[in-house]
N, C-alpha and C. Protein backbone atom coordinates (compact mmCIF):
# COMPACT_ATOMS: atom_id res chain seq x y z
N MET A 1 115.94 127.69 64.43
CA MET A 1 116.69 128.72 65.16
C MET A 1 118.02 128.99 64.47
N ASN A 2 118.48 130.22 64.55
CA ASN A 2 119.83 130.58 64.14
C ASN A 2 120.75 130.43 65.35
N VAL A 3 121.73 129.56 65.24
CA VAL A 3 122.57 129.19 66.38
C VAL A 3 124.04 129.42 66.05
N ILE A 4 124.71 130.21 66.87
CA ILE A 4 126.15 130.46 66.71
C ILE A 4 126.89 129.66 67.76
N ILE A 5 127.90 128.91 67.31
CA ILE A 5 128.72 128.12 68.23
C ILE A 5 130.18 128.38 67.92
N THR A 6 130.93 128.88 68.87
CA THR A 6 132.36 129.10 68.66
C THR A 6 133.14 127.88 69.14
N GLY A 7 134.29 127.66 68.51
CA GLY A 7 135.11 126.50 68.86
C GLY A 7 134.37 125.20 68.60
N ALA A 8 133.81 125.07 67.38
CA ALA A 8 132.85 124.00 67.11
C ALA A 8 133.41 122.81 66.34
N SER A 9 134.70 122.77 66.09
CA SER A 9 135.23 121.71 65.23
C SER A 9 135.43 120.39 65.97
N LYS A 10 135.54 120.43 67.28
CA LYS A 10 135.78 119.19 68.04
C LYS A 10 135.32 119.36 69.48
N GLY A 11 135.41 118.28 70.24
CA GLY A 11 135.12 118.34 71.67
C GLY A 11 133.70 118.77 71.97
N LEU A 12 133.55 119.59 73.00
CA LEU A 12 132.23 120.04 73.43
C LEU A 12 131.53 120.83 72.35
N GLY A 13 132.25 121.71 71.66
CA GLY A 13 131.64 122.52 70.61
C GLY A 13 131.02 121.67 69.51
N LYS A 14 131.71 120.62 69.13
CA LYS A 14 131.19 119.70 68.11
C LYS A 14 129.95 118.98 68.62
N ALA A 15 129.98 118.54 69.87
CA ALA A 15 128.83 117.85 70.46
C ALA A 15 127.61 118.77 70.50
N ILE A 16 127.84 120.04 70.82
CA ILE A 16 126.74 121.01 70.84
C ILE A 16 126.18 121.20 69.42
N ALA A 17 127.09 121.31 68.46
CA ALA A 17 126.67 121.48 67.06
C ALA A 17 125.84 120.29 66.60
N GLU A 18 126.24 119.09 66.94
CA GLU A 18 125.50 117.88 66.56
C GLU A 18 124.09 117.90 67.15
N THR A 19 123.98 118.32 68.39
CA THR A 19 122.68 118.32 69.07
C THR A 19 121.73 119.32 68.44
N PHE A 20 122.21 120.50 68.11
CA PHE A 20 121.34 121.49 67.47
C PHE A 20 121.06 121.14 66.02
N ALA A 21 122.02 120.56 65.32
CA ALA A 21 121.81 120.17 63.93
C ALA A 21 120.74 119.09 63.81
N ALA A 22 120.66 118.23 64.82
CA ALA A 22 119.67 117.14 64.80
C ALA A 22 118.24 117.67 64.81
N SER A 23 118.06 118.93 65.19
CA SER A 23 116.73 119.52 65.27
C SER A 23 116.48 120.55 64.17
N LYS A 24 117.18 120.40 63.06
CA LYS A 24 116.92 121.18 61.84
C LYS A 24 117.15 122.68 62.02
N ASN A 25 118.19 123.04 62.76
CA ASN A 25 118.51 124.45 62.96
C ASN A 25 119.53 124.93 61.94
N THR A 26 119.70 126.24 61.87
CA THR A 26 120.74 126.85 61.05
C THR A 26 121.92 127.19 61.95
N LEU A 27 123.09 126.64 61.62
CA LEU A 27 124.25 126.81 62.49
C LEU A 27 125.30 127.69 61.82
N MET A 28 125.92 128.55 62.62
CA MET A 28 127.09 129.31 62.21
C MET A 28 128.23 128.88 63.14
N LEU A 29 129.22 128.24 62.58
CA LEU A 29 130.28 127.64 63.37
C LEU A 29 131.63 128.27 63.05
N CYS A 30 132.48 128.37 64.07
CA CYS A 30 133.85 128.82 63.82
C CYS A 30 134.83 127.96 64.60
N ALA A 31 136.05 127.94 64.11
CA ALA A 31 137.18 127.28 64.77
C ALA A 31 138.43 127.76 64.07
N ARG A 32 139.58 127.55 64.69
CA ARG A 32 140.84 127.98 64.07
C ARG A 32 141.27 127.07 62.95
N ASN A 33 141.08 125.76 63.13
CA ASN A 33 141.58 124.77 62.16
C ASN A 33 140.54 124.56 61.06
N GLU A 34 140.87 125.04 59.86
CA GLU A 34 139.91 124.98 58.75
C GLU A 34 139.59 123.55 58.34
N ASP A 35 140.60 122.69 58.30
CA ASP A 35 140.37 121.30 57.89
C ASP A 35 139.43 120.58 58.85
N GLU A 36 139.67 120.73 60.14
CA GLU A 36 138.81 120.09 61.14
C GLU A 36 137.40 120.65 61.10
N LEU A 37 137.31 121.96 60.90
CA LEU A 37 136.00 122.61 60.84
C LEU A 37 135.20 122.12 59.64
N ASN A 38 135.85 122.04 58.48
CA ASN A 38 135.18 121.55 57.27
C ASN A 38 134.76 120.09 57.42
N LYS A 39 135.60 119.31 58.05
CA LYS A 39 135.27 117.90 58.29
C LYS A 39 134.03 117.78 59.17
N THR A 40 133.97 118.58 60.21
CA THR A 40 132.80 118.57 61.10
C THR A 40 131.55 119.01 60.36
N ALA A 41 131.67 120.07 59.56
CA ALA A 41 130.51 120.58 58.82
C ALA A 41 129.99 119.54 57.84
N LEU A 42 130.89 118.86 57.15
CA LEU A 42 130.49 117.83 56.19
C LEU A 42 129.77 116.69 56.90
N GLN A 43 130.30 116.29 58.03
CA GLN A 43 129.68 115.22 58.82
C GLN A 43 128.26 115.62 59.26
N LEU A 44 128.11 116.85 59.71
CA LEU A 44 126.80 117.33 60.16
C LEU A 44 125.80 117.36 59.02
N GLN A 45 126.23 117.84 57.86
CA GLN A 45 125.33 117.94 56.72
C GLN A 45 124.91 116.57 56.21
N GLN A 46 125.83 115.61 56.28
CA GLN A 46 125.50 114.26 55.83
C GLN A 46 124.57 113.56 56.81
N GLN A 47 124.82 113.76 58.08
CA GLN A 47 124.03 113.08 59.11
C GLN A 47 122.68 113.76 59.34
N TYR A 48 122.66 115.12 59.17
CA TYR A 48 121.43 115.88 59.42
C TYR A 48 121.15 116.77 58.20
N PRO A 49 120.69 116.20 57.11
CA PRO A 49 120.52 116.95 55.85
C PRO A 49 119.48 118.07 55.94
N ASN A 50 118.62 118.05 56.95
CA ASN A 50 117.62 119.10 57.09
C ASN A 50 118.14 120.32 57.85
N SER A 51 119.36 120.22 58.32
CA SER A 51 119.99 121.37 58.98
C SER A 51 120.79 122.17 57.95
N THR A 52 121.13 123.39 58.32
CA THR A 52 121.98 124.24 57.47
C THR A 52 123.22 124.62 58.27
N VAL A 53 124.39 124.41 57.68
CA VAL A 53 125.64 124.66 58.41
C VAL A 53 126.51 125.64 57.63
N HIS A 54 126.83 126.76 58.26
CA HIS A 54 127.77 127.73 57.71
C HIS A 54 129.02 127.74 58.58
N THR A 55 130.19 127.84 57.96
CA THR A 55 131.43 127.80 58.73
C THR A 55 132.36 128.94 58.36
N LYS A 56 133.16 129.33 59.34
CA LYS A 56 134.21 130.33 59.11
C LYS A 56 135.42 129.95 59.94
N ALA A 57 136.52 129.66 59.27
CA ALA A 57 137.77 129.35 59.97
C ALA A 57 138.44 130.65 60.38
N ILE A 58 138.52 130.87 61.69
CA ILE A 58 139.04 132.15 62.19
C ILE A 58 139.43 131.99 63.65
N ASP A 59 140.43 132.73 64.06
CA ASP A 59 140.90 132.73 65.45
C ASP A 59 140.29 133.92 66.16
N ILE A 60 139.24 133.68 66.93
CA ILE A 60 138.53 134.80 67.56
C ILE A 60 139.15 135.23 68.89
N SER A 61 140.32 134.67 69.23
CA SER A 61 141.04 135.23 70.37
C SER A 61 141.62 136.58 70.00
N ASN A 62 141.68 136.87 68.71
CA ASN A 62 142.02 138.20 68.21
C ASN A 62 140.75 139.05 68.23
N ASN A 63 140.80 140.19 68.87
CA ASN A 63 139.59 141.00 69.05
C ASN A 63 138.92 141.39 67.74
N ASN A 64 139.71 141.82 66.77
CA ASN A 64 139.14 142.20 65.48
C ASN A 64 138.52 141.01 64.76
N ASN A 65 139.13 139.84 64.90
CA ASN A 65 138.58 138.64 64.29
C ASN A 65 137.25 138.26 64.93
N ALA A 66 137.15 138.45 66.24
CA ALA A 66 135.89 138.15 66.92
C ALA A 66 134.77 139.03 66.39
N LYS A 67 135.07 140.30 66.21
CA LYS A 67 134.08 141.22 65.67
C LYS A 67 133.73 140.85 64.22
N MET A 68 134.75 140.48 63.44
CA MET A 68 134.54 140.08 62.06
C MET A 68 133.63 138.86 61.97
N PHE A 69 133.90 137.88 62.84
CA PHE A 69 133.08 136.67 62.85
C PHE A 69 131.63 136.99 63.21
N ALA A 70 131.43 137.83 64.20
CA ALA A 70 130.07 138.19 64.62
C ALA A 70 129.32 138.90 63.50
N ASN A 71 129.98 139.81 62.82
CA ASN A 71 129.33 140.52 61.71
C ASN A 71 129.01 139.56 60.55
N TRP A 72 129.89 138.59 60.33
CA TRP A 72 129.62 137.55 59.32
C TRP A 72 128.38 136.77 59.70
N CYS A 73 128.24 136.42 60.96
CA CYS A 73 127.07 135.68 61.43
C CYS A 73 125.79 136.47 61.18
N LEU A 74 125.85 137.77 61.35
CA LEU A 74 124.66 138.61 61.19
C LEU A 74 124.15 138.64 59.76
N THR A 75 124.99 138.29 58.80
CA THR A 75 124.54 138.24 57.41
C THR A 75 123.51 137.12 57.20
N PHE A 76 123.44 136.17 58.14
CA PHE A 76 122.47 135.08 58.06
C PHE A 76 121.25 135.34 58.94
N GLY A 77 121.20 136.50 59.57
CA GLY A 77 120.08 136.85 60.42
C GLY A 77 120.50 137.01 61.87
N THR A 78 119.61 137.57 62.67
CA THR A 78 119.88 137.76 64.09
C THR A 78 119.89 136.40 64.79
N PRO A 79 120.90 136.13 65.61
CA PRO A 79 120.96 134.82 66.28
C PRO A 79 119.88 134.65 67.34
N ASP A 80 119.35 133.44 67.43
CA ASP A 80 118.45 133.08 68.51
C ASP A 80 119.24 132.52 69.69
N VAL A 81 120.34 131.86 69.39
CA VAL A 81 121.18 131.25 70.41
C VAL A 81 122.65 131.54 70.09
N LEU A 82 123.38 132.01 71.07
CA LEU A 82 124.83 132.21 70.95
C LEU A 82 125.50 131.37 72.03
N ILE A 83 126.43 130.53 71.61
CA ILE A 83 127.15 129.69 72.57
C ILE A 83 128.63 130.03 72.49
N ASN A 84 129.12 130.74 73.48
CA ASN A 84 130.53 131.13 73.56
C ASN A 84 131.30 129.97 74.18
N ASN A 85 131.84 129.13 73.32
CA ASN A 85 132.46 127.88 73.77
C ASN A 85 133.99 127.89 73.68
N VAL A 86 134.55 128.77 72.88
CA VAL A 86 136.01 128.79 72.71
C VAL A 86 136.71 128.90 74.06
N GLY A 87 137.70 128.07 74.26
CA GLY A 87 138.44 128.12 75.51
C GLY A 87 139.77 127.38 75.39
N GLN A 88 140.67 127.70 76.29
CA GLN A 88 141.98 127.05 76.30
C GLN A 88 142.44 126.86 77.74
N PHE A 89 143.07 125.73 78.00
CA PHE A 89 143.62 125.45 79.32
C PHE A 89 145.14 125.30 79.22
N ILE A 90 145.85 126.00 80.08
CA ILE A 90 147.30 125.84 80.21
C ILE A 90 147.59 125.58 81.68
N ALA A 91 148.13 124.40 81.98
CA ALA A 91 148.49 124.09 83.36
C ALA A 91 149.65 124.99 83.78
N SER A 92 149.47 125.71 84.86
CA SER A 92 150.51 126.66 85.27
C SER A 92 150.33 127.06 86.72
N SER A 93 151.38 127.66 87.26
CA SER A 93 151.35 128.22 88.61
C SER A 93 151.82 129.66 88.53
N LEU A 94 151.20 130.53 89.30
CA LEU A 94 151.60 131.93 89.29
C LEU A 94 153.06 132.12 89.65
N ILE A 95 153.59 131.20 90.43
CA ILE A 95 154.97 131.32 90.90
C ILE A 95 155.97 131.21 89.75
N ASN A 96 155.67 130.31 88.79
CA ASN A 96 156.69 130.06 87.77
C ASN A 96 156.17 130.06 86.33
N GLU A 97 154.92 130.47 86.10
CA GLU A 97 154.42 130.46 84.73
C GLU A 97 155.05 131.57 83.91
N ASP A 98 155.05 131.42 82.58
CA ASP A 98 155.56 132.45 81.69
C ASP A 98 154.74 133.72 81.85
N ASP A 99 155.38 134.85 81.61
CA ASP A 99 154.74 136.14 81.85
C ASP A 99 153.50 136.36 80.99
N ASP A 100 153.42 135.69 79.84
CA ASP A 100 152.32 135.97 78.92
C ASP A 100 151.16 134.98 79.02
N VAL A 101 151.22 134.04 79.98
CA VAL A 101 150.16 133.03 80.07
C VAL A 101 148.80 133.67 80.36
N LEU A 102 148.76 134.57 81.34
CA LEU A 102 147.50 135.21 81.68
C LEU A 102 146.92 135.96 80.49
N GLU A 103 147.77 136.71 79.78
CA GLU A 103 147.29 137.48 78.62
C GLU A 103 146.74 136.55 77.54
N LYS A 104 147.44 135.44 77.27
CA LYS A 104 146.98 134.49 76.26
C LYS A 104 145.61 133.93 76.61
N LEU A 105 145.47 133.51 77.86
CA LEU A 105 144.22 132.89 78.27
C LEU A 105 143.08 133.90 78.38
N MET A 106 143.39 135.13 78.74
CA MET A 106 142.35 136.15 78.75
C MET A 106 141.81 136.38 77.34
N GLN A 107 142.70 136.39 76.36
CA GLN A 107 142.27 136.59 74.97
C GLN A 107 141.32 135.49 74.53
N VAL A 108 141.68 134.25 74.85
CA VAL A 108 140.88 133.11 74.40
C VAL A 108 139.61 132.95 75.24
N ASN A 109 139.77 132.96 76.54
CA ASN A 109 138.68 132.56 77.43
C ASN A 109 137.70 133.68 77.78
N LEU A 110 138.12 134.92 77.64
CA LEU A 110 137.23 136.04 77.97
C LEU A 110 136.98 136.96 76.80
N TYR A 111 138.05 137.49 76.21
CA TYR A 111 137.86 138.52 75.19
C TYR A 111 137.13 138.01 73.96
N SER A 112 137.33 136.74 73.60
CA SER A 112 136.61 136.19 72.44
C SER A 112 135.11 136.27 72.67
N ALA A 113 134.67 135.87 73.87
CA ALA A 113 133.24 135.93 74.19
C ALA A 113 132.75 137.37 74.29
N TYR A 114 133.57 138.21 74.90
CA TYR A 114 133.18 139.61 75.09
C TYR A 114 132.94 140.31 73.75
N HIS A 115 133.92 140.22 72.84
CA HIS A 115 133.81 140.96 71.59
C HIS A 115 132.80 140.35 70.62
N THR A 116 132.69 139.03 70.62
CA THR A 116 131.66 138.40 69.79
C THR A 116 130.27 138.82 70.25
N THR A 117 130.04 138.73 71.55
CA THR A 117 128.74 139.07 72.12
C THR A 117 128.42 140.55 71.91
N LYS A 118 129.37 141.40 72.20
CA LYS A 118 129.15 142.85 72.11
C LYS A 118 128.78 143.26 70.69
N THR A 119 129.39 142.62 69.70
CA THR A 119 129.10 142.95 68.31
C THR A 119 127.70 142.50 67.91
N LEU A 120 127.23 141.40 68.49
CA LEU A 120 125.91 140.87 68.15
C LEU A 120 124.78 141.57 68.90
N LEU A 121 125.08 142.20 70.02
CA LEU A 121 124.03 142.72 70.90
C LEU A 121 123.10 143.76 70.27
N PRO A 122 123.59 144.70 69.45
CA PRO A 122 122.63 145.66 68.88
C PRO A 122 121.49 144.98 68.13
N ALA A 123 121.79 143.96 67.34
CA ALA A 123 120.74 143.25 66.61
C ALA A 123 119.85 142.46 67.55
N MET A 124 120.45 141.84 68.56
CA MET A 124 119.68 141.02 69.49
C MET A 124 118.78 141.86 70.38
N THR A 125 119.29 143.00 70.85
CA THR A 125 118.47 143.86 71.71
C THR A 125 117.31 144.49 70.93
N GLN A 126 117.55 144.76 69.66
CA GLN A 126 116.48 145.31 68.84
C GLN A 126 115.36 144.28 68.66
N LYS A 127 115.75 143.03 68.51
CA LYS A 127 114.77 141.95 68.36
C LYS A 127 114.11 141.58 69.68
N LYS A 128 114.77 141.90 70.80
CA LYS A 128 114.30 141.56 72.14
C LYS A 128 114.00 140.07 72.29
N LYS A 129 114.99 139.29 71.85
CA LYS A 129 114.84 137.85 71.94
C LYS A 129 116.20 137.21 71.75
N GLY A 130 116.46 136.15 72.49
CA GLY A 130 117.72 135.44 72.30
C GLY A 130 118.19 134.79 73.59
N HIS A 131 119.17 133.93 73.45
CA HIS A 131 119.72 133.21 74.60
C HIS A 131 121.22 133.07 74.41
N ILE A 132 121.98 133.54 75.37
CA ILE A 132 123.44 133.48 75.33
C ILE A 132 123.92 132.47 76.36
N PHE A 133 124.74 131.53 75.93
CA PHE A 133 125.36 130.56 76.82
C PHE A 133 126.86 130.81 76.85
N ASN A 134 127.41 130.99 78.02
CA ASN A 134 128.86 131.11 78.18
C ASN A 134 129.38 129.85 78.86
N ILE A 135 130.31 129.17 78.19
CA ILE A 135 130.85 127.92 78.74
C ILE A 135 131.96 128.26 79.73
N CYS A 136 131.60 128.23 80.99
CA CYS A 136 132.55 128.51 82.05
C CYS A 136 133.20 127.21 82.51
N SER A 137 133.44 127.04 83.79
CA SER A 137 134.14 125.87 84.30
C SER A 137 133.98 125.85 85.82
N LEU A 138 134.18 124.68 86.42
CA LEU A 138 134.25 124.66 87.88
C LEU A 138 135.37 125.56 88.37
N ALA A 139 136.35 125.82 87.50
CA ALA A 139 137.42 126.75 87.83
C ALA A 139 136.91 128.19 87.93
N SER A 140 135.68 128.43 87.47
CA SER A 140 135.05 129.75 87.65
C SER A 140 134.60 129.96 89.09
N LEU A 141 134.47 128.84 89.81
CA LEU A 141 133.98 128.90 91.19
C LEU A 141 135.05 128.62 92.23
N HIS A 142 136.05 127.81 91.85
CA HIS A 142 137.05 127.37 92.82
C HIS A 142 138.46 127.49 92.23
N ALA A 143 139.37 127.96 93.02
CA ALA A 143 140.78 127.97 92.61
C ALA A 143 141.36 126.58 92.84
N TYR A 144 142.35 126.23 92.03
CA TYR A 144 143.00 124.94 92.25
C TYR A 144 144.45 125.00 91.76
N ILE A 145 145.26 124.13 92.30
CA ILE A 145 146.68 124.10 91.98
C ILE A 145 146.89 123.78 90.50
N LYS A 146 147.85 124.46 89.89
CA LYS A 146 148.22 124.30 88.48
C LYS A 146 147.14 124.81 87.52
N GLY A 147 146.23 125.60 88.05
CA GLY A 147 145.21 126.18 87.17
C GLY A 147 145.03 127.66 87.42
N SER A 148 146.10 128.32 87.83
CA SER A 148 145.98 129.70 88.33
C SER A 148 145.44 130.68 87.29
N SER A 149 146.14 130.90 86.21
CA SER A 149 145.68 131.87 85.21
C SER A 149 144.41 131.41 84.53
N TYR A 150 144.29 130.11 84.30
CA TYR A 150 143.05 129.56 83.73
C TYR A 150 141.87 129.88 84.64
N SER A 151 142.04 129.64 85.92
CA SER A 151 140.97 129.90 86.87
C SER A 151 140.63 131.39 86.93
N ILE A 152 141.64 132.22 86.86
CA ILE A 152 141.41 133.67 86.86
C ILE A 152 140.53 134.07 85.68
N THR A 153 140.84 133.54 84.50
CA THR A 153 140.07 133.91 83.30
C THR A 153 138.67 133.34 83.33
N LYS A 154 138.51 132.15 83.91
CA LYS A 154 137.17 131.56 83.99
C LYS A 154 136.32 132.24 85.06
N HIS A 155 136.95 132.72 86.13
CA HIS A 155 136.23 133.57 87.08
C HIS A 155 135.73 134.83 86.36
N ALA A 156 136.59 135.39 85.51
CA ALA A 156 136.22 136.60 84.79
C ALA A 156 135.07 136.34 83.83
N LEU A 157 135.07 135.19 83.17
CA LEU A 157 133.98 134.86 82.25
C LEU A 157 132.66 134.72 82.99
N LEU A 158 132.69 134.13 84.17
CA LEU A 158 131.47 134.02 84.97
C LEU A 158 130.99 135.40 85.40
N GLY A 159 131.92 136.27 85.76
CA GLY A 159 131.54 137.64 86.10
C GLY A 159 130.93 138.37 84.92
N PHE A 160 131.50 138.16 83.75
CA PHE A 160 130.95 138.74 82.52
C PHE A 160 129.51 138.25 82.32
N SER A 161 129.28 136.96 82.50
CA SER A 161 127.95 136.39 82.32
C SER A 161 126.95 137.02 83.29
N ARG A 162 127.34 137.14 84.54
CA ARG A 162 126.42 137.67 85.55
C ARG A 162 126.06 139.12 85.29
N ASN A 163 127.05 139.90 84.90
CA ASN A 163 126.78 141.31 84.61
C ASN A 163 125.93 141.46 83.35
N LEU A 164 126.27 140.65 82.34
CA LEU A 164 125.53 140.69 81.07
C LEU A 164 124.06 140.33 81.30
N ARG A 165 123.82 139.33 82.16
CA ARG A 165 122.44 138.91 82.43
C ARG A 165 121.61 140.07 82.99
N GLU A 166 122.19 140.81 83.93
CA GLU A 166 121.45 141.92 84.52
C GLU A 166 121.16 143.00 83.48
N GLU A 167 122.14 143.29 82.63
CA GLU A 167 121.96 144.34 81.63
C GLU A 167 120.92 143.97 80.57
N LEU A 168 120.79 142.68 80.28
CA LEU A 168 119.92 142.26 79.18
C LEU A 168 118.51 141.90 79.61
N LYS A 169 118.24 141.91 80.92
CA LYS A 169 116.88 141.58 81.39
C LYS A 169 115.81 142.47 80.76
N PRO A 170 116.03 143.77 80.61
CA PRO A 170 115.00 144.61 79.99
C PRO A 170 114.74 144.26 78.52
N TYR A 171 115.68 143.56 77.90
CA TYR A 171 115.55 143.19 76.49
C TYR A 171 115.07 141.74 76.31
N GLN A 172 114.74 141.08 77.42
CA GLN A 172 114.22 139.71 77.39
C GLN A 172 115.20 138.72 76.76
N ILE A 173 116.48 139.01 76.89
CA ILE A 173 117.52 138.11 76.41
C ILE A 173 118.09 137.36 77.61
N LYS A 174 118.11 136.04 77.52
CA LYS A 174 118.59 135.21 78.62
C LYS A 174 120.10 135.01 78.53
N VAL A 175 120.73 134.87 79.68
CA VAL A 175 122.15 134.54 79.74
C VAL A 175 122.33 133.40 80.73
N THR A 176 122.90 132.31 80.26
CA THR A 176 123.13 131.15 81.10
C THR A 176 124.60 130.82 81.16
N SER A 177 125.12 130.68 82.36
CA SER A 177 126.51 130.25 82.55
C SER A 177 126.51 128.74 82.73
N VAL A 178 127.23 128.04 81.87
CA VAL A 178 127.36 126.59 81.96
C VAL A 178 128.68 126.30 82.66
N ILE A 179 128.62 125.59 83.77
CA ILE A 179 129.79 125.43 84.64
C ILE A 179 130.09 123.94 84.84
N PRO A 180 130.76 123.32 83.87
CA PRO A 180 131.04 121.89 83.98
C PRO A 180 132.41 121.61 84.59
N GLY A 181 132.52 120.39 85.15
CA GLY A 181 133.82 119.89 85.55
C GLY A 181 134.52 119.30 84.33
N ALA A 182 135.43 118.38 84.57
CA ALA A 182 136.22 117.79 83.48
C ALA A 182 135.32 117.04 82.50
N ILE A 183 135.44 117.41 81.22
CA ILE A 183 134.67 116.76 80.16
C ILE A 183 135.60 115.85 79.36
N ALA A 184 135.12 114.69 79.02
CA ALA A 184 135.94 113.69 78.31
C ALA A 184 136.16 114.12 76.86
N THR A 185 137.15 115.00 76.64
CA THR A 185 137.51 115.45 75.31
C THR A 185 139.02 115.34 75.14
N GLU A 186 139.51 115.71 73.96
CA GLU A 186 140.94 115.63 73.67
C GLU A 186 141.77 116.52 74.59
N SER A 187 141.16 117.51 75.17
CA SER A 187 141.88 118.44 76.05
C SER A 187 142.53 117.71 77.23
N TRP A 188 141.92 116.58 77.63
CA TRP A 188 142.41 115.84 78.78
C TRP A 188 143.18 114.59 78.38
N ALA A 189 143.55 114.49 77.11
CA ALA A 189 144.18 113.27 76.60
C ALA A 189 145.46 112.90 77.35
N ASN A 190 146.20 113.89 77.81
CA ASN A 190 147.48 113.63 78.48
C ASN A 190 147.39 113.69 80.00
N GLU A 191 146.16 113.78 80.52
CA GLU A 191 145.98 113.86 81.96
C GLU A 191 145.74 112.47 82.54
N THR A 192 145.96 112.34 83.84
CA THR A 192 145.84 111.04 84.49
C THR A 192 144.44 110.74 84.99
N ILE A 193 143.54 111.72 84.93
CA ILE A 193 142.17 111.51 85.39
C ILE A 193 141.50 110.46 84.50
N ALA A 194 140.82 109.50 85.10
CA ALA A 194 140.16 108.45 84.34
C ALA A 194 139.04 109.03 83.48
N GLN A 195 139.12 108.79 82.16
CA GLN A 195 138.13 109.34 81.24
C GLN A 195 136.72 108.87 81.58
N LYS A 196 136.60 107.64 82.08
CA LYS A 196 135.27 107.09 82.36
C LYS A 196 134.57 107.81 83.51
N LYS A 197 135.32 108.56 84.28
CA LYS A 197 134.73 109.31 85.39
C LYS A 197 134.41 110.75 85.01
N MET A 198 134.76 111.13 83.78
CA MET A 198 134.52 112.50 83.33
C MET A 198 133.10 112.65 82.78
N ILE A 199 132.71 113.89 82.58
CA ILE A 199 131.40 114.21 82.01
C ILE A 199 131.44 113.94 80.51
N GLU A 200 130.37 113.36 79.98
CA GLU A 200 130.26 113.17 78.53
C GLU A 200 129.86 114.49 77.88
N ALA A 201 130.56 114.84 76.80
CA ALA A 201 130.26 116.09 76.10
C ALA A 201 128.81 116.12 75.62
N LYS A 202 128.29 114.98 75.19
CA LYS A 202 126.91 114.96 74.69
C LYS A 202 125.91 115.28 75.79
N ASP A 203 126.24 114.97 77.04
CA ASP A 203 125.33 115.30 78.15
C ASP A 203 125.26 116.81 78.35
N VAL A 204 126.41 117.46 78.28
CA VAL A 204 126.43 118.93 78.41
C VAL A 204 125.67 119.56 77.25
N ALA A 205 125.87 119.02 76.05
CA ALA A 205 125.17 119.53 74.87
C ALA A 205 123.67 119.39 75.01
N THR A 206 123.23 118.26 75.52
CA THR A 206 121.79 118.02 75.71
C THR A 206 121.20 119.00 76.70
N ILE A 207 121.93 119.28 77.78
CA ILE A 207 121.45 120.23 78.78
C ILE A 207 121.31 121.63 78.17
N ILE A 208 122.31 122.03 77.38
CA ILE A 208 122.25 123.35 76.74
C ILE A 208 121.07 123.43 75.79
N TYR A 209 120.91 122.42 74.97
CA TYR A 209 119.79 122.42 74.00
C TYR A 209 118.45 122.48 74.73
N SER A 210 118.28 121.66 75.75
CA SER A 210 117.01 121.63 76.49
C SER A 210 116.73 122.98 77.14
N THR A 211 117.77 123.61 77.67
CA THR A 211 117.61 124.92 78.30
C THR A 211 117.19 125.97 77.28
N SER A 212 117.70 125.85 76.06
CA SER A 212 117.36 126.83 75.01
C SER A 212 115.89 126.75 74.60
N LEU A 213 115.21 125.66 74.93
CA LEU A 213 113.82 125.46 74.51
C LEU A 213 112.81 125.93 75.55
N LEU A 214 113.26 126.36 76.71
CA LEU A 214 112.34 126.79 77.76
C LEU A 214 111.59 128.05 77.33
N THR A 215 110.41 128.24 77.89
CA THR A 215 109.62 129.42 77.56
C THR A 215 110.32 130.69 78.03
N HIS A 216 109.88 131.81 77.48
CA HIS A 216 110.57 133.07 77.76
C HIS A 216 110.44 133.49 79.22
N GLN A 217 109.48 132.91 79.94
CA GLN A 217 109.31 133.28 81.35
C GLN A 217 110.37 132.67 82.26
N THR A 218 111.11 131.68 81.74
CA THR A 218 112.04 130.92 82.58
C THR A 218 113.47 131.11 82.11
N CYS A 219 114.34 131.50 83.04
CA CYS A 219 115.77 131.60 82.73
C CYS A 219 116.57 130.80 83.76
N ILE A 220 117.29 129.83 83.30
CA ILE A 220 118.23 129.12 84.17
C ILE A 220 119.53 129.91 84.13
N GLU A 221 119.89 130.50 85.23
CA GLU A 221 121.02 131.43 85.23
C GLU A 221 122.36 130.72 85.21
N GLU A 222 122.50 129.66 86.01
CA GLU A 222 123.79 128.96 86.08
C GLU A 222 123.54 127.46 86.20
N ILE A 223 124.30 126.69 85.44
CA ILE A 223 124.19 125.23 85.45
C ILE A 223 125.54 124.67 85.89
N VAL A 224 125.58 124.05 87.04
CA VAL A 224 126.81 123.41 87.54
C VAL A 224 126.70 121.92 87.26
N ILE A 225 127.68 121.39 86.54
CA ILE A 225 127.65 119.98 86.14
C ILE A 225 128.90 119.30 86.69
N GLN A 226 128.72 118.36 87.60
CA GLN A 226 129.83 117.70 88.24
C GLN A 226 130.13 116.35 87.58
N PRO A 227 131.40 115.97 87.48
CA PRO A 227 131.73 114.62 87.03
C PRO A 227 131.46 113.63 88.16
N GLU A 228 131.57 112.37 87.84
CA GLU A 228 131.31 111.34 88.84
C GLU A 228 132.21 111.51 90.05
């Protein structure tokens, strides 16, 4: 399969890349940090020599960059799986957060997925095959203190997923919203939540991979994954 994974240099994105690489797939990966991305790609190629890994260091929170990345991916063929994983969390409250927090998080958490997906859709709809995964959050379902703008953007991403799913049904393209709670990654390094009670990134990756293998008659629309 041709698999696109955004934000793939570390954390959940890296775990997803490892899971798909283990099954001899062709991966197109992006991340902002070129050194970390290259390190991940080298590790994948050494550990899974039967996989193929292509990388592009780029910040797809910029709309034009997202389109550029998607067009670059198309040079390797139409994707079978697209995983919109790029995301950012900023602890904040609407009462006192900086004026640009919502705009920053919308660019990362929504617009990156929107423009990447939109650029890929003509090729995918023509092929009438594919599976899109949008990495949402429990914040897509529930508001919580100190997560105001983040929650707003994740609600928007879930709305994007639901609307996209309806539009793509005639083209036999699946859309799955992955809705996990706290995942044990570097993002939570400074938080007080016990890491041992968080979700393992590899578990989320396994669920995504398994879902991508289902027959075309079956679409899992939303996956809610709770921590302990």
